[in-house]
Amino acid sequence: MKKLFTLVLCCFSLASFSQVLIKETNVNIEGAKNGFEIEIPYADKKTVEKELKDLFKSWKGSFSEKKDVMKADDCKDKDMGENTFDVYGTVVQDGDKGSKALVAIDLGGAYLNSKDHSNQFKVMEQELKIWGIKTATIYVEDMERQEEKVLDDKKKELEDLEKDQKKKEEEIEDYKKRIEENEKAIEQSKKDQETKKEEIKTQEGVLNEVIKKKEGIK
């Protein structure tokens, strides 16, 4: 039961950790401003900054960047209404959890907030939620590709090891066959040597007879 509870707790923690969370709060972007804090699980600061920059540029405003602060003036988003808005953003690393994107939207005299701009707030909150999910997914998919490459490399290494083993096993079988053939050849050679020794002994006898004949000539 204790193990089951621990497993459920781990699954719950992982599910919570992998969620894109958005909350309304004061964000510190060139001073305190009412805005959004978006928690992007897993993703590093570099990835989130790139995706946030793309998001700002998609609103067709005048984009600029100074140090860690992004800004886009006179942005347009039909779901936010006819009026333009200015948007500010920055990204901070959130330890091993991922990153946080801080976004504030100036509607022209007031920063977007849930109390005074309920409908527009919900629209932007939803857009940022979708963007956050996309950003986290992009990062994890990149991780997936990297880990797949590592896996493919290891599979290739295993394949090479298996091929090398097979080659050596074939060499061993070849050596065994050659050893067997050589052993048979050696056995035959021994028999041939014995036969040859008998032939030599016989020939020596023949030679001795010839020598005797030669010595007997007077």
N, C-alpha and C. Protein backbone atom coordinates (compact mmCIF):
# COMPACT_ATOMS: atom_id res chain seq x y z
N MET A 1 0.83 -1.20 0.00
CA MET A 1 0.00 0.00 0.00
C MET A 1 0.86 1.25 0.00
N LYS A 2 1.95 1.21 0.79
CA LYS A 2 2.86 2.36 0.85
C LYS A 2 3.51 2.62 -0.50
N LYS A 3 3.92 1.54 -1.20
CA LYS A 3 4.53 1.67 -2.53
C LYS A 3 3.53 2.25 -3.52
N LEU A 4 2.27 1.78 -3.44
CA LEU A 4 1.23 2.28 -4.34
C LEU A 4 1.00 3.77 -4.13
N PHE A 5 0.96 4.18 -2.85
CA PHE A 5 0.76 5.59 -2.52
C PHE A 5 1.92 6.43 -3.06
N THR A 6 3.15 5.91 -2.92
CA THR A 6 4.33 6.63 -3.42
C THR A 6 4.28 6.78 -4.93
N LEU A 7 3.85 5.70 -5.63
CA LEU A 7 3.74 5.74 -7.09
C LEU A 7 2.71 6.76 -7.53
N VAL A 8 1.55 6.77 -6.86
CA VAL A 8 0.49 7.74 -7.18
C VAL A 8 0.97 9.15 -6.94
N LEU A 9 1.69 9.35 -5.84
CA LEU A 9 2.21 10.67 -5.51
C LEU A 9 3.22 11.14 -6.55
N CYS A 10 4.08 10.24 -7.02
CA CYS A 10 5.07 10.58 -8.05
C CYS A 10 4.39 10.95 -9.36
N CYS A 11 3.36 10.18 -9.74
CA CYS A 11 2.63 10.47 -10.97
C CYS A 11 1.93 11.81 -10.88
N PHE A 12 1.36 12.08 -9.70
CA PHE A 12 0.67 13.36 -9.50
C PHE A 12 1.66 14.51 -9.57
N SER A 13 2.83 14.33 -8.96
CA SER A 13 3.86 15.37 -8.97
C SER A 13 4.34 15.64 -10.38
N LEU A 14 4.55 14.57 -11.17
CA LEU A 14 5.01 14.72 -12.55
C LEU A 14 3.96 15.43 -13.39
N ALA A 15 2.68 15.07 -13.19
CA ALA A 15 1.61 15.70 -13.94
C ALA A 15 1.52 17.19 -13.60
N SER A 16 1.67 17.51 -12.31
CA SER A 16 1.62 18.92 -11.89
C SER A 16 2.80 19.67 -12.44
N PHE A 17 3.95 19.02 -12.41
CA PHE A 17 5.18 19.67 -12.86
C PHE A 17 5.15 19.98 -14.34
N SER A 18 4.43 19.15 -15.11
CA SER A 18 4.43 19.31 -16.57
C SER A 18 3.37 20.29 -17.06
N GLN A 19 2.62 20.89 -16.15
CA GLN A 19 1.57 21.82 -16.55
C GLN A 19 2.13 23.22 -16.78
N VAL A 20 1.56 23.88 -17.78
CA VAL A 20 1.85 25.31 -18.00
C VAL A 20 0.90 26.10 -17.09
N LEU A 21 1.48 26.84 -16.17
CA LEU A 21 0.68 27.58 -15.20
C LEU A 21 0.80 29.08 -15.45
N ILE A 22 -0.34 29.78 -15.39
CA ILE A 22 -0.36 31.22 -15.59
C ILE A 22 -1.05 31.88 -14.41
N LYS A 23 -0.43 32.92 -13.91
CA LYS A 23 -1.09 33.67 -12.85
C LYS A 23 -0.91 35.17 -13.06
N GLU A 24 -1.88 35.90 -12.59
CA GLU A 24 -1.80 37.35 -12.66
C GLU A 24 -1.05 37.85 -11.45
N THR A 25 -0.07 38.71 -11.69
CA THR A 25 0.76 39.20 -10.58
C THR A 25 1.50 40.44 -11.03
N ASN A 26 2.16 41.10 -10.09
CA ASN A 26 3.05 42.20 -10.44
C ASN A 26 4.35 41.61 -10.97
N VAL A 27 4.70 41.99 -12.17
CA VAL A 27 5.94 41.48 -12.77
C VAL A 27 6.97 42.61 -12.83
N ASN A 28 8.21 42.26 -12.61
CA ASN A 28 9.27 43.26 -12.61
C ASN A 28 9.91 43.34 -13.99
N ILE A 29 9.37 44.22 -14.82
CA ILE A 29 9.92 44.46 -16.16
C ILE A 29 10.13 45.97 -16.29
N GLU A 30 11.35 46.39 -16.07
CA GLU A 30 11.64 47.83 -16.02
C GLU A 30 10.71 48.50 -15.02
N GLY A 31 10.62 47.92 -13.84
CA GLY A 31 9.72 48.39 -12.81
C GLY A 31 8.53 47.46 -12.67
N ALA A 32 7.79 47.61 -11.57
CA ALA A 32 6.65 46.74 -11.31
C ALA A 32 5.47 47.10 -12.20
N LYS A 33 4.90 46.04 -12.81
CA LYS A 33 3.73 46.23 -13.69
C LYS A 33 2.78 45.07 -13.46
N ASN A 34 1.49 45.33 -13.58
CA ASN A 34 0.54 44.22 -13.53
C ASN A 34 0.69 43.40 -14.81
N GLY A 35 0.73 42.11 -14.65
CA GLY A 35 0.90 41.28 -15.84
C GLY A 35 0.72 39.81 -15.57
N PHE A 36 1.37 39.01 -16.41
CA PHE A 36 1.24 37.55 -16.34
C PHE A 36 2.59 36.91 -16.01
N GLU A 37 2.54 35.89 -15.18
CA GLU A 37 3.71 35.04 -14.96
C GLU A 37 3.36 33.67 -15.51
N ILE A 38 4.08 33.24 -16.53
CA ILE A 38 3.79 31.96 -17.19
C ILE A 38 4.91 30.98 -16.88
N GLU A 39 4.57 29.90 -16.20
CA GLU A 39 5.56 28.87 -15.89
C GLU A 39 5.61 27.88 -17.05
N ILE A 40 6.80 27.77 -17.66
CA ILE A 40 7.00 26.86 -18.78
C ILE A 40 7.82 25.67 -18.29
N PRO A 41 7.19 24.51 -18.11
CA PRO A 41 7.94 23.36 -17.59
C PRO A 41 9.02 22.89 -18.57
N TYR A 42 10.13 22.46 -18.00
CA TYR A 42 11.25 21.85 -18.73
C TYR A 42 12.08 22.83 -19.55
N ALA A 43 11.44 23.76 -20.25
CA ALA A 43 12.14 24.58 -21.24
C ALA A 43 13.19 25.49 -20.62
N ASP A 44 14.33 25.62 -21.30
CA ASP A 44 15.37 26.52 -20.80
C ASP A 44 15.10 27.96 -21.25
N LYS A 45 15.85 28.87 -20.65
CA LYS A 45 15.63 30.30 -20.90
C LYS A 45 15.80 30.65 -22.37
N LYS A 46 16.81 30.07 -23.00
CA LYS A 46 17.10 30.39 -24.40
C LYS A 46 15.92 30.06 -25.31
N THR A 47 15.34 28.89 -25.11
CA THR A 47 14.20 28.46 -25.93
C THR A 47 12.99 29.36 -25.71
N VAL A 48 12.72 29.66 -24.44
CA VAL A 48 11.54 30.49 -24.12
C VAL A 48 11.72 31.90 -24.67
N GLU A 49 12.92 32.44 -24.59
CA GLU A 49 13.19 33.78 -25.14
C GLU A 49 12.93 33.81 -26.64
N LYS A 50 13.38 32.80 -27.34
CA LYS A 50 13.16 32.75 -28.80
C LYS A 50 11.67 32.71 -29.12
N GLU A 51 10.94 31.85 -28.41
CA GLU A 51 9.52 31.70 -28.69
C GLU A 51 8.74 32.95 -28.27
N LEU A 52 9.16 33.61 -27.19
CA LEU A 52 8.48 34.83 -26.76
C LEU A 52 8.71 35.95 -27.77
N LYS A 53 9.91 36.00 -28.30
CA LYS A 53 10.22 36.99 -29.34
C LYS A 53 9.33 36.76 -30.57
N ASP A 54 9.17 35.51 -30.96
CA ASP A 54 8.32 35.19 -32.11
C ASP A 54 6.86 35.58 -31.83
N LEU A 55 6.43 35.36 -30.59
CA LEU A 55 5.06 35.72 -30.22
C LEU A 55 4.85 37.23 -30.33
N PHE A 56 5.78 37.99 -29.77
CA PHE A 56 5.68 39.45 -29.83
C PHE A 56 5.64 39.94 -31.29
N LYS A 57 6.50 39.36 -32.11
CA LYS A 57 6.57 39.78 -33.51
C LYS A 57 5.31 39.41 -34.28
N SER A 58 4.62 38.35 -33.83
CA SER A 58 3.39 37.93 -34.51
C SER A 58 2.28 38.96 -34.36
N TRP A 59 2.41 39.87 -33.39
CA TRP A 59 1.40 40.92 -33.19
C TRP A 59 1.69 42.15 -34.04
N LYS A 60 2.68 42.04 -34.92
CA LYS A 60 2.96 43.06 -35.95
C LYS A 60 3.28 44.45 -35.39
N GLY A 61 3.83 44.51 -34.19
CA GLY A 61 4.23 45.80 -33.64
C GLY A 61 5.67 46.12 -33.98
N SER A 62 6.15 47.21 -33.40
CA SER A 62 7.54 47.61 -33.58
C SER A 62 8.37 46.96 -32.48
N PHE A 63 9.12 45.92 -32.85
CA PHE A 63 9.82 45.12 -31.85
C PHE A 63 11.20 45.70 -31.53
N SER A 64 11.56 45.66 -30.25
CA SER A 64 12.90 46.06 -29.82
C SER A 64 13.30 45.19 -28.63
N GLU A 65 14.60 45.13 -28.42
CA GLU A 65 15.12 44.30 -27.34
C GLU A 65 16.31 44.98 -26.70
N LYS A 66 16.28 45.06 -25.38
CA LYS A 66 17.38 45.68 -24.65
C LYS A 66 17.73 44.79 -23.47
N LYS A 67 18.95 44.25 -23.54
CA LYS A 67 19.38 43.29 -22.53
C LYS A 67 18.39 42.13 -22.47
N ASP A 68 17.75 41.90 -21.32
CA ASP A 68 16.83 40.78 -21.19
C ASP A 68 15.37 41.19 -21.37
N VAL A 69 15.12 42.44 -21.73
CA VAL A 69 13.76 42.94 -21.85
C VAL A 69 13.36 43.09 -23.31
N MET A 70 12.21 42.50 -23.66
CA MET A 70 11.66 42.63 -25.01
C MET A 70 10.48 43.61 -24.96
N LYS A 71 10.29 44.32 -26.05
CA LYS A 71 9.17 45.26 -26.12
C LYS A 71 8.66 45.31 -27.56
N ALA A 72 7.35 45.43 -27.68
CA ALA A 72 6.75 45.61 -29.00
C ALA A 72 5.67 46.68 -28.88
N ASP A 73 5.82 47.75 -29.62
CA ASP A 73 4.87 48.87 -29.58
C ASP A 73 3.83 48.73 -30.69
N ASP A 74 2.65 49.27 -30.41
CA ASP A 74 1.56 49.32 -31.40
C ASP A 74 1.23 47.95 -31.98
N CYS A 75 1.06 47.00 -31.07
CA CYS A 75 0.71 45.64 -31.50
C CYS A 75 -0.78 45.56 -31.84
N LYS A 76 -1.10 44.59 -32.70
CA LYS A 76 -2.48 44.39 -33.10
C LYS A 76 -2.86 42.92 -32.95
N ASP A 77 -4.01 42.71 -32.33
CA ASP A 77 -4.55 41.37 -32.17
C ASP A 77 -6.06 41.51 -32.21
N LYS A 78 -6.69 41.04 -33.27
CA LYS A 78 -8.13 41.26 -33.46
C LYS A 78 -8.96 40.73 -32.30
N ASP A 79 -8.47 39.67 -31.66
CA ASP A 79 -9.22 39.12 -30.53
C ASP A 79 -9.16 40.02 -29.30
N MET A 80 -8.19 40.94 -29.29
CA MET A 80 -8.06 41.89 -28.19
C MET A 80 -8.83 43.19 -28.47
N GLY A 81 -9.41 43.31 -29.64
CA GLY A 81 -10.14 44.52 -29.98
C GLY A 81 -9.44 45.31 -31.07
N GLU A 82 -9.99 46.48 -31.38
CA GLU A 82 -9.47 47.31 -32.46
C GLU A 82 -8.24 48.12 -32.06
N ASN A 83 -8.13 48.44 -30.79
CA ASN A 83 -7.03 49.30 -30.34
C ASN A 83 -5.71 48.54 -30.29
N THR A 84 -4.64 49.29 -30.52
CA THR A 84 -3.30 48.70 -30.41
C THR A 84 -2.87 48.66 -28.94
N PHE A 85 -1.82 47.92 -28.68
CA PHE A 85 -1.30 47.83 -27.31
C PHE A 85 0.21 47.64 -27.38
N ASP A 86 0.87 47.99 -26.29
CA ASP A 86 2.30 47.77 -26.15
C ASP A 86 2.51 46.58 -25.22
N VAL A 87 3.50 45.77 -25.53
CA VAL A 87 3.74 44.58 -24.71
C VAL A 87 5.19 44.52 -24.27
N TYR A 88 5.40 44.14 -23.03
CA TYR A 88 6.73 44.01 -22.44
C TYR A 88 6.91 42.57 -21.98
N GLY A 89 8.13 42.08 -22.07
CA GLY A 89 8.37 40.71 -21.62
C GLY A 89 9.80 40.44 -21.27
N THR A 90 9.99 39.49 -20.40
CA THR A 90 11.33 39.01 -20.06
C THR A 90 11.20 37.56 -19.62
N VAL A 91 12.32 36.86 -19.56
CA VAL A 91 12.32 35.44 -19.20
C VAL A 91 13.36 35.20 -18.12
N VAL A 92 12.99 34.40 -17.12
CA VAL A 92 13.93 34.02 -16.06
C VAL A 92 13.97 32.50 -15.94
N GLN A 93 15.14 31.99 -15.66
CA GLN A 93 15.28 30.55 -15.46
C GLN A 93 14.67 30.18 -14.12
N ASP A 94 13.91 29.09 -14.10
CA ASP A 94 13.24 28.65 -12.88
C ASP A 94 13.89 27.38 -12.35
N GLY A 95 15.18 27.46 -12.08
CA GLY A 95 15.92 26.30 -11.58
C GLY A 95 15.85 25.14 -12.55
N ASP A 96 15.66 23.93 -12.01
CA ASP A 96 15.57 22.73 -12.85
C ASP A 96 14.16 22.53 -13.38
N LYS A 97 13.21 23.32 -12.91
CA LYS A 97 11.81 23.14 -13.32
C LYS A 97 11.58 23.55 -14.77
N GLY A 98 12.28 24.60 -15.21
CA GLY A 98 12.06 25.16 -16.53
C GLY A 98 12.32 26.65 -16.50
N SER A 99 11.40 27.43 -17.06
CA SER A 99 11.58 28.89 -17.10
C SER A 99 10.25 29.58 -16.84
N LYS A 100 10.36 30.86 -16.52
CA LYS A 100 9.17 31.69 -16.35
C LYS A 100 9.23 32.86 -17.32
N ALA A 101 8.13 33.08 -18.02
CA ALA A 101 8.02 34.25 -18.88
C ALA A 101 7.15 35.27 -18.16
N LEU A 102 7.62 36.49 -18.10
CA LEU A 102 6.88 37.58 -17.48
C LEU A 102 6.42 38.52 -18.59
N VAL A 103 5.13 38.77 -18.64
CA VAL A 103 4.55 39.58 -19.71
C VAL A 103 3.61 40.62 -19.13
N ALA A 104 3.75 41.86 -19.60
CA ALA A 104 2.85 42.94 -19.20
C ALA A 104 2.35 43.65 -20.45
N ILE A 105 1.08 44.01 -20.46
CA ILE A 105 0.48 44.63 -21.65
C ILE A 105 -0.11 45.99 -21.29
N ASP A 106 0.42 46.98 -21.97
CA ASP A 106 -0.04 48.35 -21.78
C ASP A 106 -1.12 48.66 -22.82
N LEU A 107 -2.35 48.85 -22.33
CA LEU A 107 -3.47 49.10 -23.24
C LEU A 107 -3.54 50.59 -23.63
N GLY A 108 -2.66 51.39 -23.03
CA GLY A 108 -2.68 52.83 -23.30
C GLY A 108 -3.20 53.56 -22.09
N GLY A 109 -2.35 53.69 -21.10
CA GLY A 109 -2.75 54.36 -19.87
C GLY A 109 -3.03 53.41 -18.73
N ALA A 110 -3.20 52.14 -19.01
CA ALA A 110 -3.45 51.15 -17.96
C ALA A 110 -2.94 49.79 -18.43
N TYR A 111 -2.39 49.04 -17.48
CA TYR A 111 -1.90 47.71 -17.82
C TYR A 111 -3.03 46.70 -17.69
N LEU A 112 -3.07 45.77 -18.61
CA LEU A 112 -4.12 44.76 -18.66
C LEU A 112 -4.23 44.05 -17.32
N ASN A 113 -5.47 44.00 -16.78
CA ASN A 113 -5.71 43.27 -15.54
C ASN A 113 -7.11 42.68 -15.55
N SER A 114 -7.32 41.66 -14.75
CA SER A 114 -8.59 40.92 -14.77
C SER A 114 -9.75 41.73 -14.21
N LYS A 115 -9.46 42.67 -13.37
CA LYS A 115 -10.53 43.46 -12.74
C LYS A 115 -11.14 44.46 -13.71
N ASP A 116 -10.29 45.21 -14.41
CA ASP A 116 -10.77 46.30 -15.26
C ASP A 116 -10.98 45.90 -16.72
N HIS A 117 -10.35 44.80 -17.14
CA HIS A 117 -10.42 44.40 -18.55
C HIS A 117 -10.68 42.90 -18.64
N SER A 118 -11.79 42.49 -18.07
CA SER A 118 -12.10 41.06 -17.91
C SER A 118 -12.03 40.27 -19.22
N ASN A 119 -12.72 40.76 -20.25
CA ASN A 119 -12.77 40.02 -21.52
C ASN A 119 -11.40 39.94 -22.19
N GLN A 120 -10.72 41.10 -22.28
CA GLN A 120 -9.40 41.12 -22.91
C GLN A 120 -8.39 40.29 -22.11
N PHE A 121 -8.55 40.33 -20.79
CA PHE A 121 -7.65 39.54 -19.93
C PHE A 121 -7.80 38.05 -20.23
N LYS A 122 -9.05 37.58 -20.37
CA LYS A 122 -9.29 36.17 -20.64
C LYS A 122 -8.73 35.77 -22.01
N VAL A 123 -8.88 36.67 -22.98
CA VAL A 123 -8.36 36.40 -24.33
C VAL A 123 -6.84 36.23 -24.28
N MET A 124 -6.17 37.18 -23.63
CA MET A 124 -4.71 37.11 -23.58
C MET A 124 -4.23 35.95 -22.73
N GLU A 125 -4.94 35.67 -21.66
CA GLU A 125 -4.58 34.54 -20.80
C GLU A 125 -4.61 33.24 -21.60
N GLN A 126 -5.65 33.10 -22.43
CA GLN A 126 -5.79 31.90 -23.25
C GLN A 126 -4.68 31.82 -24.30
N GLU A 127 -4.39 32.96 -24.93
CA GLU A 127 -3.32 32.99 -25.94
C GLU A 127 -1.97 32.62 -25.32
N LEU A 128 -1.71 33.15 -24.15
CA LEU A 128 -0.45 32.86 -23.47
C LEU A 128 -0.38 31.40 -23.01
N LYS A 129 -1.53 30.84 -22.63
CA LYS A 129 -1.58 29.43 -22.25
C LYS A 129 -1.21 28.55 -23.45
N ILE A 130 -1.84 28.85 -24.59
CA ILE A 130 -1.55 28.08 -25.82
C ILE A 130 -0.09 28.24 -26.20
N TRP A 131 0.41 29.48 -26.11
CA TRP A 131 1.82 29.73 -26.43
C TRP A 131 2.74 28.97 -25.48
N GLY A 132 2.41 28.95 -24.19
CA GLY A 132 3.23 28.25 -23.21
C GLY A 132 3.30 26.75 -23.48
N ILE A 133 2.15 26.17 -23.83
CA ILE A 133 2.11 24.73 -24.14
C ILE A 133 2.95 24.45 -25.38
N LYS A 134 2.82 25.32 -26.40
CA LYS A 134 3.61 25.16 -27.62
C LYS A 134 5.10 25.24 -27.32
N THR A 135 5.49 26.21 -26.49
CA THR A 135 6.91 26.41 -26.17
C THR A 135 7.48 25.22 -25.42
N ALA A 136 6.74 24.74 -24.42
CA ALA A 136 7.20 23.56 -23.66
C ALA A 136 7.32 22.35 -24.57
N THR A 137 6.35 22.20 -25.48
CA THR A 137 6.35 21.07 -26.41
C THR A 137 7.55 21.13 -27.35
N ILE A 138 7.83 22.34 -27.87
CA ILE A 138 8.98 22.52 -28.77
C ILE A 138 10.27 22.09 -28.07
N TYR A 139 10.43 22.52 -26.83
CA TYR A 139 11.65 22.17 -26.08
C TYR A 139 11.75 20.66 -25.85
N VAL A 140 10.63 20.06 -25.41
CA VAL A 140 10.65 18.63 -25.10
C VAL A 140 10.85 17.80 -26.37
N GLU A 141 10.24 18.26 -27.49
CA GLU A 141 10.44 17.55 -28.75
C GLU A 141 11.90 17.62 -29.20
N ASP A 142 12.55 18.76 -28.92
CA ASP A 142 13.97 18.87 -29.25
C ASP A 142 14.78 17.91 -28.37
N MET A 143 14.42 17.84 -27.08
CA MET A 143 15.06 16.87 -26.19
C MET A 143 14.84 15.46 -26.70
N GLU A 144 13.61 15.20 -27.16
CA GLU A 144 13.28 13.87 -27.67
C GLU A 144 14.16 13.51 -28.87
N ARG A 145 14.33 14.48 -29.79
CA ARG A 145 15.18 14.23 -30.96
C ARG A 145 16.62 13.95 -30.54
N GLN A 146 17.11 14.72 -29.56
CA GLN A 146 18.49 14.50 -29.09
C GLN A 146 18.64 13.12 -28.46
N GLU A 147 17.66 12.74 -27.63
CA GLU A 147 17.75 11.44 -26.96
C GLU A 147 17.57 10.30 -27.96
N GLU A 148 16.73 10.54 -28.99
CA GLU A 148 16.57 9.53 -30.04
C GLU A 148 17.89 9.32 -30.78
N LYS A 149 18.61 10.43 -31.00
CA LYS A 149 19.91 10.34 -31.68
C LYS A 149 20.89 9.54 -30.82
N VAL A 150 20.89 9.83 -29.51
CA VAL A 150 21.76 9.08 -28.60
C VAL A 150 21.40 7.59 -28.64
N LEU A 151 20.08 7.32 -28.62
CA LEU A 151 19.62 5.93 -28.68
C LEU A 151 20.04 5.28 -29.99
N ASP A 152 19.85 6.00 -31.10
CA ASP A 152 20.24 5.46 -32.42
C ASP A 152 21.74 5.19 -32.47
N ASP A 153 22.54 6.10 -31.88
CA ASP A 153 23.99 5.92 -31.85
C ASP A 153 24.35 4.66 -31.06
N LYS A 154 23.66 4.47 -29.92
CA LYS A 154 23.96 3.30 -29.10
C LYS A 154 23.54 2.02 -29.80
N LYS A 155 22.40 2.08 -30.53
CA LYS A 155 21.96 0.91 -31.30
C LYS A 155 22.98 0.59 -32.40
N LYS A 156 23.51 1.65 -33.03
CA LYS A 156 24.51 1.46 -34.07
C LYS A 156 25.78 0.85 -33.47
N GLU A 157 26.16 1.34 -32.29
CA GLU A 157 27.34 0.78 -31.61
C GLU A 157 27.13 -0.69 -31.29
N LEU A 158 25.90 -1.03 -30.83
CA LEU A 158 25.58 -2.43 -30.53
C LEU A 158 25.65 -3.26 -31.81
N GLU A 159 25.10 -2.70 -32.88
CA GLU A 159 25.13 -3.40 -34.18
C GLU A 159 26.56 -3.65 -34.63
N ASP A 160 27.43 -2.65 -34.44
CA ASP A 160 28.84 -2.81 -34.81
C ASP A 160 29.50 -3.89 -33.95
N LEU A 161 29.16 -3.90 -32.65
CA LEU A 161 29.73 -4.91 -31.75
C LEU A 161 29.26 -6.31 -32.16
N GLU A 162 27.98 -6.41 -32.51
CA GLU A 162 27.44 -7.71 -32.93
C GLU A 162 28.09 -8.19 -34.23
N LYS A 163 28.30 -7.24 -35.16
CA LYS A 163 28.96 -7.59 -36.42
C LYS A 163 30.39 -8.05 -36.16
N ASP A 164 31.08 -7.34 -35.27
CA ASP A 164 32.46 -7.69 -34.95
C ASP A 164 32.52 -9.07 -34.30
N GLN A 165 31.55 -9.33 -33.40
CA GLN A 165 31.49 -10.64 -32.76
C GLN A 165 31.26 -11.74 -33.80
N LYS A 166 30.31 -11.49 -34.71
CA LYS A 166 30.00 -12.48 -35.74
C LYS A 166 31.22 -12.74 -36.62
N LYS A 167 31.95 -11.67 -36.96
CA LYS A 167 33.15 -11.82 -37.78
C LYS A 167 34.18 -12.69 -37.08
N LYS A 168 34.37 -12.43 -35.77
CA LYS A 168 35.35 -13.21 -35.01
C LYS A 168 34.91 -14.66 -34.86
N GLU A 169 33.59 -14.85 -34.67
CA GLU A 169 33.08 -16.22 -34.58
C GLU A 169 33.30 -16.97 -35.90
N GLU A 170 33.08 -16.26 -37.01
CA GLU A 170 33.33 -16.88 -38.33
C GLU A 170 34.80 -17.19 -38.50
N GLU A 171 35.66 -16.28 -38.02
CA GLU A 171 37.10 -16.52 -38.10
C GLU A 171 37.48 -17.74 -37.27
N ILE A 172 36.85 -17.85 -36.07
CA ILE A 172 37.13 -19.00 -35.21
C ILE A 172 36.71 -20.29 -35.90
N GLU A 173 35.51 -20.29 -36.52
CA GLU A 173 35.04 -21.47 -37.24
C GLU A 173 35.99 -21.81 -38.39
N ASP A 174 36.47 -20.77 -39.06
CA ASP A 174 37.42 -20.97 -40.16
C ASP A 174 38.72 -21.56 -39.63
N TYR A 175 39.18 -21.00 -38.48
CA TYR A 175 40.41 -21.52 -37.86
C TYR A 175 40.22 -22.98 -37.45
N LYS A 176 39.04 -23.29 -36.86
CA LYS A 176 38.76 -24.66 -36.44
C LYS A 176 38.79 -25.61 -37.63
N LYS A 177 38.18 -25.15 -38.73
CA LYS A 177 38.15 -25.97 -39.93
C LYS A 177 39.56 -26.20 -40.46
N ARG A 178 40.35 -25.10 -40.47
CA ARG A 178 41.73 -25.22 -40.95
C ARG A 178 42.56 -26.12 -40.02
N ILE A 179 42.31 -25.98 -38.69
CA ILE A 179 43.02 -26.84 -37.73
C ILE A 179 42.66 -28.31 -37.96
N GLU A 180 41.36 -28.56 -38.17
CA GLU A 180 40.90 -29.93 -38.43
C GLU A 180 41.53 -30.48 -39.70
N GLU A 181 41.55 -29.64 -40.73
CA GLU A 181 42.17 -30.06 -41.99
C GLU A 181 43.66 -30.33 -41.80
N ASN A 182 44.32 -29.44 -41.05
CA ASN A 182 45.76 -29.61 -40.81
C ASN A 182 46.05 -30.84 -39.97
N GLU A 183 45.15 -31.11 -39.00
CA GLU A 183 45.36 -32.31 -38.17
C GLU A 183 45.25 -33.57 -39.04
N LYS A 184 44.27 -33.56 -39.95
CA LYS A 184 44.13 -34.70 -40.86
C LYS A 184 45.35 -34.80 -41.77
N ALA A 185 45.82 -33.61 -42.22
CA ALA A 185 47.00 -33.59 -43.10
C ALA A 185 48.22 -34.11 -42.36
N ILE A 186 48.32 -33.76 -41.07
CA ILE A 186 49.46 -34.24 -40.27
C ILE A 186 49.41 -35.75 -40.11
N GLU A 187 48.21 -36.29 -39.83
CA GLU A 187 48.06 -37.73 -39.69
C GLU A 187 48.44 -38.46 -40.99
N GLN A 188 48.01 -37.88 -42.10
CA GLN A 188 48.36 -38.47 -43.40
C GLN A 188 49.85 -38.37 -43.65
N SER A 189 50.42 -37.22 -43.23
CA SER A 189 51.86 -37.02 -43.40
C SER A 189 52.65 -38.05 -42.61
N LYS A 190 52.17 -38.35 -41.41
CA LYS A 190 52.85 -39.36 -40.58
C LYS A 190 52.84 -40.73 -41.29
N LYS A 191 51.68 -41.05 -41.86
CA LYS A 191 51.59 -42.32 -42.58
C LYS A 191 52.50 -42.31 -43.80
N ASP A 192 52.49 -41.17 -44.51
CA ASP A 192 53.34 -41.06 -45.70
C ASP A 192 54.81 -41.15 -45.31
N GLN A 193 55.16 -40.56 -44.15
CA GLN A 193 56.55 -40.62 -43.70
C GLN A 193 56.97 -42.07 -43.40
N GLU A 194 56.06 -42.82 -42.76
CA GLU A 194 56.39 -44.22 -42.47
C GLU A 194 56.57 -45.01 -43.76
N THR A 195 55.70 -44.73 -44.71
CA THR A 195 55.82 -45.40 -46.01
C THR A 195 57.13 -45.03 -46.68
N LYS A 196 57.45 -43.73 -46.60
CA LYS A 196 58.68 -43.24 -47.24
C LYS A 196 59.92 -43.84 -46.56
N LYS A 197 59.83 -44.01 -45.24
CA LYS A 197 60.96 -44.62 -44.51
C LYS A 197 61.19 -46.05 -45.00
N GLU A 198 60.10 -46.76 -45.20
CA GLU A 198 60.21 -48.12 -45.72
C GLU A 198 60.80 -48.12 -47.12
N GLU A 199 60.37 -47.15 -47.94
CA GLU A 199 60.92 -47.04 -49.29
C GLU A 199 62.41 -46.74 -49.26
N ILE A 200 62.78 -45.83 -48.32
CA ILE A 200 64.20 -45.48 -48.19
C ILE A 200 65.01 -46.70 -47.75
N LYS A 201 64.47 -47.45 -46.79
CA LYS A 201 65.16 -48.64 -46.29
C LYS A 201 65.35 -49.66 -47.42
N THR A 202 64.30 -49.82 -48.20
CA THR A 202 64.38 -50.74 -49.34
C THR A 202 65.40 -50.27 -50.36
N GLN A 203 65.36 -48.96 -50.63
CA GLN A 203 66.28 -48.39 -51.62
C GLN A 203 67.72 -48.49 -51.14
N GLU A 204 67.93 -48.31 -49.82
CA GLU A 204 69.29 -48.45 -49.27
C GLU A 204 69.81 -49.88 -49.51
N GLY A 205 68.90 -50.84 -49.36
CA GLY A 205 69.26 -52.25 -49.60
C GLY A 205 69.65 -52.45 -51.05
N VAL A 206 68.85 -51.86 -51.97
CA VAL A 206 69.14 -51.96 -53.39
C VAL A 206 70.49 -51.33 -53.69
N LEU A 207 70.74 -50.15 -53.10
CA LEU A 207 72.00 -49.44 -53.33
C LEU A 207 73.18 -50.26 -52.82
N ASN A 208 73.03 -50.86 -51.67
CA ASN A 208 74.10 -51.66 -51.10
C ASN A 208 74.44 -52.86 -52.01
N GLU A 209 73.45 -53.44 -52.60
CA GLU A 209 73.66 -54.56 -53.53
C GLU A 209 74.45 -54.10 -54.74
N VAL A 210 74.10 -52.88 -55.22
CA VAL A 210 74.81 -52.33 -56.38
C VAL A 210 76.26 -52.06 -56.01
N ILE A 211 76.46 -51.50 -54.81
CA ILE A 211 77.82 -51.20 -54.34
C ILE A 211 78.66 -52.48 -54.24
N LYS A 212 78.05 -53.54 -53.73
CA LYS A 212 78.73 -54.81 -53.59
C LYS A 212 79.14 -55.34 -54.96
N LYS A 213 78.23 -55.17 -55.90
CA LYS A 213 78.53 -55.62 -57.26
C LYS A 213 79.72 -54.85 -57.80
N LYS A 214 79.71 -53.55 -57.53
CA LYS A 214 80.84 -52.72 -58.01
C LYS A 214 82.13 -53.14 -57.36
N GLU A 215 82.09 -53.42 -56.07
CA GLU A 215 83.30 -53.82 -55.36
C GLU A 215 83.77 -55.20 -55.81
N GLY A 216 82.83 -56.00 -56.29
CA GLY A 216 83.20 -57.37 -56.71
C GLY A 216 83.85 -57.41 -58.09
N ILE A 217 83.86 -56.33 -58.76
CA ILE A 217 84.46 -56.30 -60.11
C ILE A 217 85.98 -56.24 -59.93
N LYS A 218 86.72 -57.21 -60.57
CA LYS A 218 88.19 -57.23 -60.44
C LYS A 218 88.79 -57.44 -61.80
